Protein backbone atom coordinates (compact mmCIF):
# COMPACT_ATOMS: atom_id res chain seq x y z
CA MET A 1 11.26 -0.16 6.10
CA PHE A 2 8.63 -1.70 4.23
CA LYS A 3 7.79 -5.51 3.60
CA ILE A 4 5.06 -7.02 1.18
CA GLU A 5 4.18 -10.39 1.19
CA GLN A 6 1.57 -12.88 0.34
CA PRO A 7 -0.24 -14.45 3.49
CA ALA A 8 0.86 -17.33 4.96
CA THR A 9 -2.39 -19.24 4.61
CA ARG A 10 -4.01 -20.52 1.64
CA LYS A 11 -7.63 -19.16 2.55
CA ALA A 12 -6.04 -15.87 1.45
CA PRO A 13 -8.29 -14.53 -1.71
CA GLU A 14 -6.09 -14.10 -4.83
CA GLY A 15 -4.00 -10.58 -4.68
CA VAL A 16 -4.18 -10.01 -1.27
CA VAL A 17 -0.79 -9.43 0.27
CA HIS A 18 -0.10 -7.78 3.84
CA VAL A 19 1.94 -4.91 4.20
CA SER A 20 4.13 -4.04 6.97
CA ALA A 21 6.10 -1.03 7.83
CA ILE A 22 8.56 0.63 10.27
CA ALA A 23 8.01 4.40 9.29
CA ASP A 24 7.01 8.05 10.26
CA PRO A 25 3.64 8.69 9.07
CA LYS A 26 4.90 10.79 6.25
CA HIS A 27 7.30 8.15 4.55
CA ALA A 28 3.87 5.39 5.04
CA ALA A 29 1.80 7.64 3.04
CA ASP A 30 4.09 8.22 0.43
CA PHE A 31 4.55 4.62 -0.16
CA VAL A 32 0.96 3.82 -0.17
CA GLU A 33 0.44 6.69 -2.82
CA GLY A 34 3.27 5.29 -4.86
CA VAL A 35 1.99 1.72 -4.56
CA PHE A 36 -1.65 3.05 -5.90
CA ARG A 37 -0.17 5.26 -8.42
CA ARG A 38 1.82 2.10 -10.27
CA VAL A 39 -0.64 -0.31 -9.65
CA TYR A 40 -3.60 1.80 -11.04
CA GLY A 41 -1.42 3.98 -13.71
CA ALA A 42 -2.34 7.04 -12.28
CA GLY A 43 -0.36 9.92 -13.35
CA GLU A 44 1.58 12.60 -10.92
CA GLY A 45 -1.39 14.61 -10.25
CA TYR A 46 -3.31 11.72 -8.47
CA GLU A 47 -3.36 12.49 -4.87
CA LEU A 48 -4.76 9.42 -2.54
CA ARG A 49 -6.87 10.67 0.52
CA VAL A 50 -7.44 8.16 3.39
CA VAL A 51 -10.27 9.05 6.11
CA ARG A 52 -10.11 7.50 9.08
CA ILE A 53 -13.88 7.49 10.98
């Protein structure tokens, strides 16, 4: 289950949203990649890579 909502505070910058999820890592990754594809208009060949440092 994914939930996207705007912050409850008026101090949050324009366009900021909070995303919460109850999902396994694979479904969470698929969701985030799909959001980036839709928002930035990337095609099917687009691959999002997240690096944790």
